[in-house]
Amino acid sequence: MVKKERTNNDIYELVGEFFGFTKNQFDQQNKKLERHDKLFDLLGRQVELINDDLRDIKRSQHNVEKELQGIKEDMTGIAGAIGELAEKDEDFEGRLEKLEKTK
């Protein structure tokens, strides 16, 4: 078997094919990276939206806590007023009983 010696043109052709193959592989990887970049961008926007929603929930929760504190204070005041009225009512009933006994 006689080994055929490659010519410069054969070598240039092989190198050209290799560079073409390599460029094709890089192009495919670049496309995959671009898709990943788009996905990460979408994920980043979703995380921002979730953070905004959480911030809104915390703000709403804080407002509800303020409202509940106000209601608690109102209920405490009402309970105190009812207690005072009940004491006055008992005093009034006691006075009425004393007046009725003296008649």
N, C-alpha and C. Protein backbone atom coordinates (compact mmCIF):
# COMPACT_ATOMS: atom_id res chain seq x y z
N MET A 1 0.84 -1.18 0.00
CA MET A 1 0.00 0.00 0.00
C MET A 1 0.87 1.24 0.00
N VAL A 2 0.56 2.02 -0.91
CA VAL A 2 1.29 3.27 -1.03
C VAL A 2 0.50 4.34 -0.30
N LYS A 3 1.18 4.99 0.59
CA LYS A 3 0.53 6.05 1.36
C LYS A 3 0.55 7.31 0.52
N LYS A 4 -0.66 7.87 0.34
CA LYS A 4 -0.78 9.07 -0.47
C LYS A 4 -0.38 10.26 0.38
N GLU A 5 0.50 11.04 -0.14
CA GLU A 5 0.94 12.22 0.57
C GLU A 5 -0.07 13.33 0.31
N ARG A 6 -0.43 14.01 1.36
CA ARG A 6 -1.45 15.06 1.24
C ARG A 6 -0.81 16.33 0.71
N THR A 7 -1.59 16.97 -0.12
CA THR A 7 -1.12 18.23 -0.68
C THR A 7 -1.57 19.37 0.21
N ASN A 8 -1.00 20.52 -0.07
CA ASN A 8 -1.40 21.71 0.70
C ASN A 8 -2.89 21.97 0.56
N ASN A 9 -3.43 21.76 -0.63
CA ASN A 9 -4.87 21.96 -0.84
C ASN A 9 -5.69 21.00 0.02
N ASP A 10 -5.23 19.74 0.13
CA ASP A 10 -5.93 18.76 0.97
C ASP A 10 -5.91 19.23 2.43
N ILE A 11 -4.78 19.72 2.88
CA ILE A 11 -4.65 20.17 4.26
C ILE A 11 -5.54 21.40 4.49
N TYR A 12 -5.52 22.35 3.53
CA TYR A 12 -6.37 23.54 3.66
C TYR A 12 -7.85 23.14 3.68
N GLU A 13 -8.19 22.16 2.90
CA GLU A 13 -9.58 21.69 2.87
C GLU A 13 -9.97 21.06 4.21
N LEU A 14 -9.08 20.24 4.77
CA LEU A 14 -9.35 19.63 6.07
C LEU A 14 -9.44 20.68 7.17
N VAL A 15 -8.51 21.64 7.14
CA VAL A 15 -8.54 22.71 8.15
C VAL A 15 -9.82 23.51 8.00
N GLY A 16 -10.24 23.80 6.78
CA GLY A 16 -11.48 24.54 6.52
C GLY A 16 -12.69 23.78 7.05
N GLU A 17 -12.72 22.46 6.81
CA GLU A 17 -13.82 21.64 7.33
C GLU A 17 -13.83 21.65 8.85
N PHE A 18 -12.63 21.55 9.44
CA PHE A 18 -12.54 21.56 10.90
C PHE A 18 -13.03 22.90 11.46
N PHE A 19 -12.60 24.00 10.85
CA PHE A 19 -13.05 25.31 11.32
C PHE A 19 -14.55 25.47 11.12
N GLY A 20 -15.08 24.97 10.01
CA GLY A 20 -16.53 25.02 9.77
C GLY A 20 -17.28 24.23 10.84
N PHE A 21 -16.78 23.04 11.13
CA PHE A 21 -17.39 22.21 12.18
C PHE A 21 -17.33 22.92 13.53
N THR A 22 -16.17 23.47 13.84
CA THR A 22 -15.99 24.16 15.13
C THR A 22 -16.90 25.37 15.22
N LYS A 23 -16.99 26.14 14.14
CA LYS A 23 -17.87 27.31 14.13
C LYS A 23 -19.31 26.88 14.33
N ASN A 24 -19.73 25.81 13.68
CA ASN A 24 -21.08 25.30 13.83
C ASN A 24 -21.35 24.92 15.29
N GLN A 25 -20.40 24.27 15.92
CA GLN A 25 -20.56 23.88 17.33
C GLN A 25 -20.68 25.12 18.23
N PHE A 26 -19.85 26.13 17.97
CA PHE A 26 -19.93 27.37 18.74
C PHE A 26 -21.28 28.07 18.52
N ASP A 27 -21.75 28.06 17.29
CA ASP A 27 -23.05 28.68 16.99
C ASP A 27 -24.17 27.98 17.76
N GLN A 28 -24.12 26.66 17.80
CA GLN A 28 -25.13 25.91 18.55
C GLN A 28 -25.07 26.25 20.04
N GLN A 29 -23.86 26.34 20.58
CA GLN A 29 -23.71 26.68 22.00
C GLN A 29 -24.20 28.11 22.26
N ASN A 30 -23.92 29.01 21.35
CA ASN A 30 -24.39 30.39 21.50
C ASN A 30 -25.92 30.45 21.51
N LYS A 31 -26.56 29.66 20.65
CA LYS A 31 -28.03 29.62 20.63
C LYS A 31 -28.56 29.10 21.97
N LYS A 32 -27.91 28.05 22.49
CA LYS A 32 -28.34 27.51 23.79
C LYS A 32 -28.15 28.56 24.89
N LEU A 33 -27.02 29.26 24.84
CA LEU A 33 -26.77 30.30 25.85
C LEU A 33 -27.78 31.44 25.74
N GLU A 34 -28.16 31.79 24.52
CA GLU A 34 -29.16 32.83 24.34
C GLU A 34 -30.50 32.39 24.92
N ARG A 35 -30.87 31.13 24.72
CA ARG A 35 -32.12 30.61 25.30
C ARG A 35 -32.04 30.64 26.82
N HIS A 36 -30.88 30.26 27.37
CA HIS A 36 -30.72 30.29 28.83
C HIS A 36 -30.80 31.73 29.35
N ASP A 37 -30.20 32.65 28.62
CA ASP A 37 -30.28 34.07 29.02
C ASP A 37 -31.73 34.54 29.06
N LYS A 38 -32.51 34.17 28.05
CA LYS A 38 -33.92 34.54 28.03
C LYS A 38 -34.66 33.93 29.22
N LEU A 39 -34.37 32.66 29.50
CA LEU A 39 -35.03 32.01 30.64
C LEU A 39 -34.65 32.68 31.96
N PHE A 40 -33.37 32.99 32.12
CA PHE A 40 -32.95 33.67 33.35
C PHE A 40 -33.57 35.05 33.46
N ASP A 41 -33.72 35.72 32.33
CA ASP A 41 -34.37 37.02 32.34
C ASP A 41 -35.82 36.89 32.80
N LEU A 42 -36.52 35.90 32.25
CA LEU A 42 -37.91 35.66 32.66
C LEU A 42 -37.98 35.31 34.14
N LEU A 43 -37.07 34.45 34.59
CA LEU A 43 -37.06 34.07 36.01
C LEU A 43 -36.79 35.28 36.89
N GLY A 44 -35.87 36.12 36.46
CA GLY A 44 -35.57 37.33 37.22
C GLY A 44 -36.78 38.23 37.34
N ARG A 45 -37.52 38.38 36.24
CA ARG A 45 -38.73 39.21 36.28
C ARG A 45 -39.79 38.59 37.19
N GLN A 46 -39.89 37.27 37.15
CA GLN A 46 -40.85 36.59 38.03
C GLN A 46 -40.49 36.80 39.49
N VAL A 47 -39.21 36.71 39.80
CA VAL A 47 -38.76 36.92 41.18
C VAL A 47 -39.07 38.35 41.62
N GLU A 48 -38.87 39.32 40.72
CA GLU A 48 -39.20 40.71 41.04
C GLU A 48 -40.69 40.87 41.32
N LEU A 49 -41.53 40.23 40.50
CA LEU A 49 -42.98 40.30 40.72
C LEU A 49 -43.37 39.66 42.05
N ILE A 50 -42.75 38.54 42.36
CA ILE A 50 -43.03 37.87 43.63
C ILE A 50 -42.60 38.76 44.80
N ASN A 51 -41.43 39.39 44.67
CA ASN A 51 -40.97 40.31 45.73
C ASN A 51 -41.93 41.48 45.90
N ASP A 52 -42.43 42.02 44.78
CA ASP A 52 -43.40 43.10 44.86
C ASP A 52 -44.68 42.64 45.56
N ASP A 53 -45.14 41.43 45.21
CA ASP A 53 -46.34 40.89 45.86
C ASP A 53 -46.12 40.69 47.35
N LEU A 54 -44.96 40.17 47.72
CA LEU A 54 -44.66 39.98 49.14
C LEU A 54 -44.62 41.31 49.88
N ARG A 55 -44.04 42.31 49.25
CA ARG A 55 -43.98 43.64 49.86
C ARG A 55 -45.39 44.18 50.07
N ASP A 56 -46.27 43.98 49.07
CA ASP A 56 -47.66 44.42 49.20
C ASP A 56 -48.38 43.67 50.32
N ILE A 57 -48.13 42.37 50.42
CA ILE A 57 -48.75 41.56 51.47
C ILE A 57 -48.29 42.04 52.84
N LYS A 58 -47.00 42.31 52.98
CA LYS A 58 -46.48 42.79 54.27
C LYS A 58 -47.09 44.14 54.62
N ARG A 59 -47.22 45.01 53.62
CA ARG A 59 -47.82 46.33 53.86
C ARG A 59 -49.27 46.16 54.30
N SER A 60 -50.01 45.29 53.61
CA SER A 60 -51.40 45.03 53.97
C SER A 60 -51.50 44.44 55.36
N GLN A 61 -50.61 43.52 55.68
CA GLN A 61 -50.61 42.89 57.00
C GLN A 61 -50.36 43.94 58.07
N HIS A 62 -49.45 44.87 57.79
CA HIS A 62 -49.16 45.93 58.76
C HIS A 62 -50.41 46.79 58.97
N ASN A 63 -51.12 47.11 57.89
CA ASN A 63 -52.34 47.90 58.00
C ASN A 63 -53.41 47.16 58.79
N VAL A 64 -53.54 45.86 58.56
CA VAL A 64 -54.51 45.05 59.29
C VAL A 64 -54.15 45.02 60.78
N GLU A 65 -52.87 44.91 61.08
CA GLU A 65 -52.44 44.92 62.49
C GLU A 65 -52.81 46.24 63.16
N LYS A 66 -52.64 47.35 62.44
CA LYS A 66 -53.02 48.65 63.00
C LYS A 66 -54.53 48.70 63.26
N GLU A 67 -55.30 48.23 62.29
CA GLU A 67 -56.76 48.21 62.45
C GLU A 67 -57.18 47.34 63.62
N LEU A 68 -56.56 46.17 63.74
CA LEU A 68 -56.89 45.27 64.85
C LEU A 68 -56.53 45.91 66.19
N GLN A 69 -55.42 46.61 66.25
CA GLN A 69 -55.02 47.30 67.48
C GLN A 69 -56.06 48.35 67.83
N GLY A 70 -56.54 49.09 66.83
CA GLY A 70 -57.59 50.09 67.06
C GLY A 70 -58.86 49.46 67.56
N ILE A 71 -59.24 48.33 66.97
CA ILE A 71 -60.46 47.61 67.40
C ILE A 71 -60.28 47.12 68.83
N LYS A 72 -59.11 46.61 69.15
CA LYS A 72 -58.84 46.13 70.52
C LYS A 72 -58.98 47.27 71.52
N GLU A 73 -58.43 48.43 71.17
CA GLU A 73 -58.53 49.59 72.06
C GLU A 73 -59.99 50.02 72.22
N ASP A 74 -60.74 50.01 71.11
CA ASP A 74 -62.16 50.36 71.19
C ASP A 74 -62.92 49.39 72.07
N MET A 75 -62.65 48.09 71.90
CA MET A 75 -63.33 47.06 72.70
C MET A 75 -63.00 47.21 74.18
N THR A 76 -61.74 47.55 74.48
CA THR A 76 -61.34 47.75 75.87
C THR A 76 -62.10 48.94 76.46
N GLY A 77 -62.22 50.01 75.68
CA GLY A 77 -62.97 51.18 76.14
C GLY A 77 -64.44 50.88 76.33
N ILE A 78 -65.03 50.14 75.41
CA ILE A 78 -66.45 49.77 75.52
C ILE A 78 -66.66 48.88 76.73
N ALA A 79 -65.77 47.92 76.92
CA ALA A 79 -65.91 47.02 78.08
C ALA A 79 -65.83 47.81 79.38
N GLY A 80 -64.91 48.78 79.43
CA GLY A 80 -64.79 49.62 80.64
C GLY A 80 -66.06 50.43 80.86
N ALA A 81 -66.63 50.99 79.80
CA ALA A 81 -67.86 51.78 79.92
C ALA A 81 -69.02 50.90 80.37
N ILE A 82 -69.11 49.70 79.83
CA ILE A 82 -70.17 48.78 80.24
C ILE A 82 -70.01 48.41 81.70
N GLY A 83 -68.77 48.19 82.12
CA GLY A 83 -68.52 47.87 83.54
C GLY A 83 -68.95 49.01 84.45
N GLU A 84 -68.62 50.23 84.06
CA GLU A 84 -69.03 51.39 84.86
C GLU A 84 -70.55 51.52 84.90
N LEU A 85 -71.21 51.32 83.75
CA LEU A 85 -72.67 51.39 83.72
C LEU A 85 -73.29 50.31 84.59
N ALA A 86 -72.69 49.12 84.57
CA ALA A 86 -73.22 48.02 85.39
C ALA A 86 -73.09 48.37 86.87
N GLU A 87 -71.97 48.97 87.28
CA GLU A 87 -71.80 49.37 88.68
C GLU A 87 -72.82 50.45 89.06
N LYS A 88 -73.03 51.42 88.18
CA LYS A 88 -74.01 52.46 88.46
C LYS A 88 -75.41 51.89 88.55
N ASP A 89 -75.69 50.92 87.68
CA ASP A 89 -77.00 50.28 87.69
C ASP A 89 -77.22 49.54 89.01
N GLU A 90 -76.18 48.84 89.50
CA GLU A 90 -76.30 48.13 90.77
C GLU A 90 -76.52 49.14 91.91
N ASP A 91 -75.79 50.25 91.88
CA ASP A 91 -75.98 51.28 92.90
C ASP A 91 -77.39 51.83 92.83
N PHE A 92 -77.89 52.05 91.64
CA PHE A 92 -79.22 52.59 91.47
C PHE A 92 -80.27 51.61 91.99
N GLU A 93 -80.09 50.31 91.66
CA GLU A 93 -81.04 49.30 92.14
C GLU A 93 -81.01 49.22 93.67
N GLY A 94 -79.80 49.31 94.22
CA GLY A 94 -79.70 49.29 95.70
C GLY A 94 -80.42 50.47 96.33
N ARG A 95 -80.31 51.63 95.76
CA ARG A 95 -81.00 52.81 96.26
C ARG A 95 -82.50 52.66 96.15
N LEU A 96 -82.94 52.10 94.99
CA LEU A 96 -84.38 51.90 94.82
C LEU A 96 -84.93 50.95 95.89
N GLU A 97 -84.18 49.88 96.16
CA GLU A 97 -84.63 48.92 97.18
C GLU A 97 -84.72 49.59 98.55
N LYS A 98 -83.74 50.42 98.87
CA LYS A 98 -83.76 51.12 100.16
C LYS A 98 -84.96 52.08 100.25
N LEU A 99 -85.22 52.75 99.13
CA LEU A 99 -86.34 53.67 99.12
C LEU A 99 -87.65 52.92 99.26
N GLU A 100 -87.77 51.77 98.61
CA GLU A 100 -89.00 50.99 98.69
C GLU A 100 -89.19 50.45 100.12
N LYS A 101 -88.14 50.10 100.80
CA LYS A 101 -88.23 49.58 102.16
C LYS A 101 -88.67 50.68 103.14
N THR A 102 -88.26 51.87 102.87
CA THR A 102 -88.59 52.96 103.78
C THR A 102 -90.04 53.42 103.61
N LYS A 103 -90.71 53.06 102.60
CA LYS A 103 -92.09 53.48 102.39
C LYS A 103 -93.01 52.73 103.24
